[in-house]
Amino acid sequence: MEEPGVQDATRRTRLANERTYLAWWRSGLTALAVSFGAGRIVPELSGGASWPYAVVGAGFGLLGLAFIAFAFTRQRRVEEALQSGRYAAFDDRAALAFTVVGLLLGVGTILIVVFQG
């Protein structure tokens, strides 16, 4: 039987994992909202060419879907690690992929603001 302190630590870790899962979901939903704003609302207001906004908007939409999908896989990996007493480190490849996509979308957004404005 586990000691009370160990049980409490495991319980807190599981709750932290749940909060992290929901944070990934919030990030995904936010990216989807940005996708709609950038791809549909802003072009209507700007009066310029709409295709750059659609491209960046689609990119944000794909990023949102990736966040939601990654939330599930990450939550499962951490839960499996907890079950076996291991630690599940954040995947460096995922961190790099999210960083590169975020930078590309940021640069794309800046270019649209500069050249469509």
C-alpha atoms as a PDB file:
ATOM      1  CA  MET A   1       0.000   0.000   0.000  1.00  0.00           C
ATOM      2  CA  GLU A   2       1.252   3.479  -0.867  1.00  0.00           C
ATOM      3  CA  GLU A   3       2.061   5.984   1.812  1.00  0.00           C
ATOM      4  CA  PRO A   4      -0.373   8.927   2.127  1.00  0.00           C
ATOM      5  CA  GLY A   5       2.250  11.406   0.846  1.00  0.00           C
ATOM      6  CA  VAL A   6       2.865   9.302  -2.255  1.00  0.00           C
ATOM      7  CA  GLN A   7      -0.871   8.996  -2.926  1.00  0.00           C
ATOM      8  CA  ASP A   8      -1.284  12.756  -2.599  1.00  0.00           C
ATOM      9  CA  ALA A   9       1.632  13.429  -4.936  1.00  0.00           C
ATOM     10  CA  THR A  10       0.244  11.011  -7.531  1.00  0.00           C
ATOM     11  CA  ARG A  11      -3.209  12.553  -7.232  1.00  0.00           C
ATOM     12  CA  ARG A  12      -1.767  16.068  -7.699  1.00  0.00           C
ATOM     13  CA  THR A  13       0.258  14.895 -10.686  1.00  0.00           C
ATOM     14  CA  ARG A  14      -2.830  13.373 -12.297  1.00  0.00           C
ATOM     15  CA  LEU A  15      -4.785  16.571 -11.718  1.00  0.00           C
ATOM     16  CA  ALA A  16      -1.919  18.590 -13.185  1.00  0.00           C
ATOM     17  CA  ASN A  17      -1.959  16.286 -16.203  1.00  0.00           C
ATOM     18  CA  GLU A  18      -5.689  16.914 -16.578  1.00  0.00           C
ATOM     19  CA  ARG A  19      -5.190  20.694 -16.384  1.00  0.00           C
ATOM     20  CA  THR A  20      -2.424  20.462 -18.970  1.00  0.00           C
ATOM     21  CA  TYR A  21      -4.688  18.429 -21.259  1.00  0.00           C
ATOM     22  CA  LEU A  22      -7.347  21.126 -20.987  1.00  0.00           C
ATOM     23  CA  ALA A  23      -4.747  23.842 -21.617  1.00  0.00           C
ATOM     24  CA  TRP A  24      -3.769  22.112 -24.873  1.00  0.00           C
ATOM     25  CA  TRP A  25      -7.475  22.088 -25.785  1.00  0.00           C
ATOM     26  CA  ARG A  26      -7.791  25.805 -24.989  1.00  0.00           C
ATOM     27  CA  SER A  27      -4.781  26.506 -27.177  1.00  0.00           C
ATOM     28  CA  GLY A  28      -6.324  24.443 -29.966  1.00  0.00           C
ATOM     29  CA  LEU A  29      -9.666  26.217 -29.727  1.00  0.00           C
ATOM     30  CA  THR A  30      -7.888  29.588 -29.651  1.00  0.00           C
ATOM     31  CA  ALA A  31      -5.937  28.709 -32.797  1.00  0.00           C
ATOM     32  CA  LEU A  32      -9.199  27.667 -34.476  1.00  0.00           C
ATOM     33  CA  ALA A  33     -10.776  31.003 -33.517  1.00  0.00           C
ATOM     34  CA  VAL A  34      -7.734  32.856 -34.892  1.00  0.00           C
ATOM     35  CA  SER A  35      -8.081  30.747 -38.034  1.00  0.00           C
ATOM     36  CA  PHE A  36     -11.643  31.929 -38.538  1.00  0.00           C
ATOM     37  CA  GLY A  37     -10.746  35.534 -37.781  1.00  0.00           C
ATOM     38  CA  ALA A  38      -7.707  35.615 -40.037  1.00  0.00           C
ATOM     39  CA  GLY A  39      -9.248  33.594 -42.844  1.00  0.00           C
ATOM     40  CA  ARG A  40     -12.787  34.975 -42.963  1.00  0.00           C
ATOM     41  CA  ILE A  41     -13.359  38.108 -40.896  1.00  0.00           C
ATOM     42  CA  VAL A  42     -10.217  40.163 -41.526  1.00  0.00           C
ATOM     43  CA  PRO A  43     -10.331  39.802 -45.350  1.00  0.00           C
ATOM     44  CA  GLU A  44     -13.887  41.151 -45.327  1.00  0.00           C
ATOM     45  CA  LEU A  45     -12.731  44.210 -43.398  1.00  0.00           C
ATOM     46  CA  SER A  46      -9.473  44.811 -45.258  1.00  0.00           C
ATOM     47  CA  GLY A  47     -10.749  45.026 -48.820  1.00  0.00           C
ATOM     48  CA  GLY A  48      -7.477  43.643 -50.228  1.00  0.00           C
ATOM     49  CA  ALA A  49      -6.633  40.252 -51.652  1.00  0.00           C
ATOM     50  CA  SER A  50      -8.125  37.514 -49.509  1.00  0.00           C
ATOM     51  CA  TRP A  51      -5.884  34.562 -50.417  1.00  0.00           C
ATOM     52  CA  PRO A  52      -3.017  35.471 -48.035  1.00  0.00           C
ATOM     53  CA  TYR A  53      -5.486  35.613 -45.160  1.00  0.00           C
ATOM     54  CA  ALA A  54      -6.978  32.281 -46.198  1.00  0.00           C
ATOM     55  CA  VAL A  55      -3.522  30.658 -46.237  1.00  0.00           C
ATOM     56  CA  VAL A  56      -2.584  31.978 -42.797  1.00  0.00           C
ATOM     57  CA  GLY A  57      -6.068  31.183 -41.488  1.00  0.00           C
ATOM     58  CA  ALA A  58      -5.809  27.596 -42.734  1.00  0.00           C
ATOM     59  CA  GLY A  59      -2.395  27.333 -41.080  1.00  0.00           C
ATOM     60  CA  PHE A  60      -3.837  28.438 -37.752  1.00  0.00           C
ATOM     61  CA  GLY A  61      -6.681  25.954 -38.225  1.00  0.00           C
ATOM     62  CA  LEU A  62      -4.259  23.101 -38.790  1.00  0.00           C
ATOM     63  CA  LEU A  63      -2.256  24.201 -35.766  1.00  0.00           C
ATOM     64  CA  GLY A  64      -5.435  24.137 -33.667  1.00  0.00           C
ATOM     65  CA  LEU A  65      -6.213  20.600 -34.796  1.00  0.00           C
ATOM     66  CA  ALA A  66      -2.633  19.551 -34.057  1.00  0.00           C
ATOM     67  CA  PHE A  67      -2.890  20.977 -30.531  1.00  0.00           C
ATOM     68  CA  ILE A  68      -6.082  19.038 -29.863  1.00  0.00           C
ATOM     69  CA  ALA A  69      -4.679  15.776 -31.265  1.00  0.00           C
ATOM     70  CA  PHE A  70      -1.416  16.220 -29.358  1.00  0.00           C
ATOM     71  CA  ALA A  71      -3.373  16.889 -26.166  1.00  0.00           C
ATOM     72  CA  PHE A  72      -4.782  13.376 -26.287  1.00  0.00           C
ATOM     73  CA  THR A  73      -1.512  11.613 -27.061  1.00  0.00           C
ATOM     74  CA  ARG A  74       0.392  13.612 -24.444  1.00  0.00           C
ATOM     75  CA  GLN A  75      -2.256  12.990 -21.777  1.00  0.00           C
ATOM     76  CA  ARG A  76      -2.121   9.243 -22.482  1.00  0.00           C
ATOM     77  CA  ARG A  77       1.698   9.123 -22.369  1.00  0.00           C
ATOM     78  CA  VAL A  78       1.797  10.898 -19.017  1.00  0.00           C
ATOM     79  CA  GLU A  79      -0.940   8.672 -17.590  1.00  0.00           C
ATOM     80  CA  GLU A  80       0.865   5.515 -18.756  1.00  0.00           C
ATOM     81  CA  ALA A  81       4.104   6.806 -17.241  1.00  0.00           C
ATOM     82  CA  LEU A  82       2.338   7.471 -13.937  1.00  0.00           C
ATOM     83  CA  GLN A  83       0.885   3.943 -13.942  1.00  0.00           C
ATOM     84  CA  SER A  84       4.376   2.453 -14.201  1.00  0.00           C
ATOM     85  CA  GLY A  85       6.183   4.974 -11.994  1.00  0.00           C
ATOM     86  CA  ARG A  86       8.066   6.637 -14.857  1.00  0.00           C
ATOM     87  CA  TYR A  87       8.345  10.175 -16.156  1.00  0.00           C
ATOM     88  CA  ALA A  88       7.139  11.131 -19.657  1.00  0.00           C
ATOM     89  CA  ALA A  89       9.271  13.980 -20.938  1.00  0.00           C
ATOM     90  CA  PHE A  90       7.872  16.436 -23.454  1.00  0.00           C
ATOM     91  CA  ASP A  91       8.901  15.263 -26.918  1.00  0.00           C
ATOM     92  CA  ASP A  92      11.603  17.525 -28.369  1.00  0.00           C
ATOM     93  CA  ARG A  93      10.333  16.879 -31.913  1.00  0.00           C
ATOM     94  CA  ALA A  94       6.836  18.042 -30.985  1.00  0.00           C
ATOM     95  CA  ALA A  95       8.238  21.136 -29.284  1.00  0.00           C
ATOM     96  CA  LEU A  96      10.339  21.912 -32.361  1.00  0.00           C
ATOM     97  CA  ALA A  97       7.411  21.318 -34.725  1.00  0.00           C
ATOM     98  CA  PHE A  98       5.077  23.593 -32.747  1.00  0.00           C
ATOM     99  CA  THR A  99       7.804  26.245 -32.526  1.00  0.00           C
ATOM    100  CA  VAL A 100       8.540  26.189 -36.263  1.00  0.00           C
ATOM    101  CA  VAL A 101       4.854  26.284 -37.208  1.00  0.00           C
ATOM    102  CA  GLY A 102       4.213  29.119 -34.750  1.00  0.00           C
ATOM    103  CA  LEU A 103       7.154  31.107 -36.114  1.00  0.00           C
ATOM    104  CA  LEU A 104       6.051  30.561 -39.720  1.00  0.00           C
ATOM    105  CA  LEU A 105       2.501  31.638 -38.939  1.00  0.00           C
ATOM    106  CA  GLY A 106       3.803  34.660 -37.039  1.00  0.00           C
ATOM    107  CA  VAL A 107       6.043  35.702 -39.930  1.00  0.00           C
ATOM    108  CA  GLY A 108       3.186  35.129 -42.381  1.00  0.00           C
ATOM    109  CA  THR A 109       0.885  37.285 -40.286  1.00  0.00           C
ATOM    110  CA  ILE A 110       3.484  40.062 -40.060  1.00  0.00           C
ATOM    111  CA  LEU A 111       4.054  39.969 -43.822  1.00  0.00           C
ATOM    112  CA  ILE A 112       0.334  40.273 -44.464  1.00  0.00           C
ATOM    113  CA  VAL A 113       0.067  43.206 -42.079  1.00  0.00           C
ATOM    114  CA  VAL A 114       3.024  44.970 -43.712  1.00  0.00           C
ATOM    115  CA  PHE A 115       2.206  44.303 -47.356  1.00  0.00           C
ATOM    116  CA  GLN A 116      -1.610  44.303 -47.285  1.00  0.00           C
ATOM    117  CA  GLY A 117      -1.912  47.359 -45.055  1.00  0.00           C
END
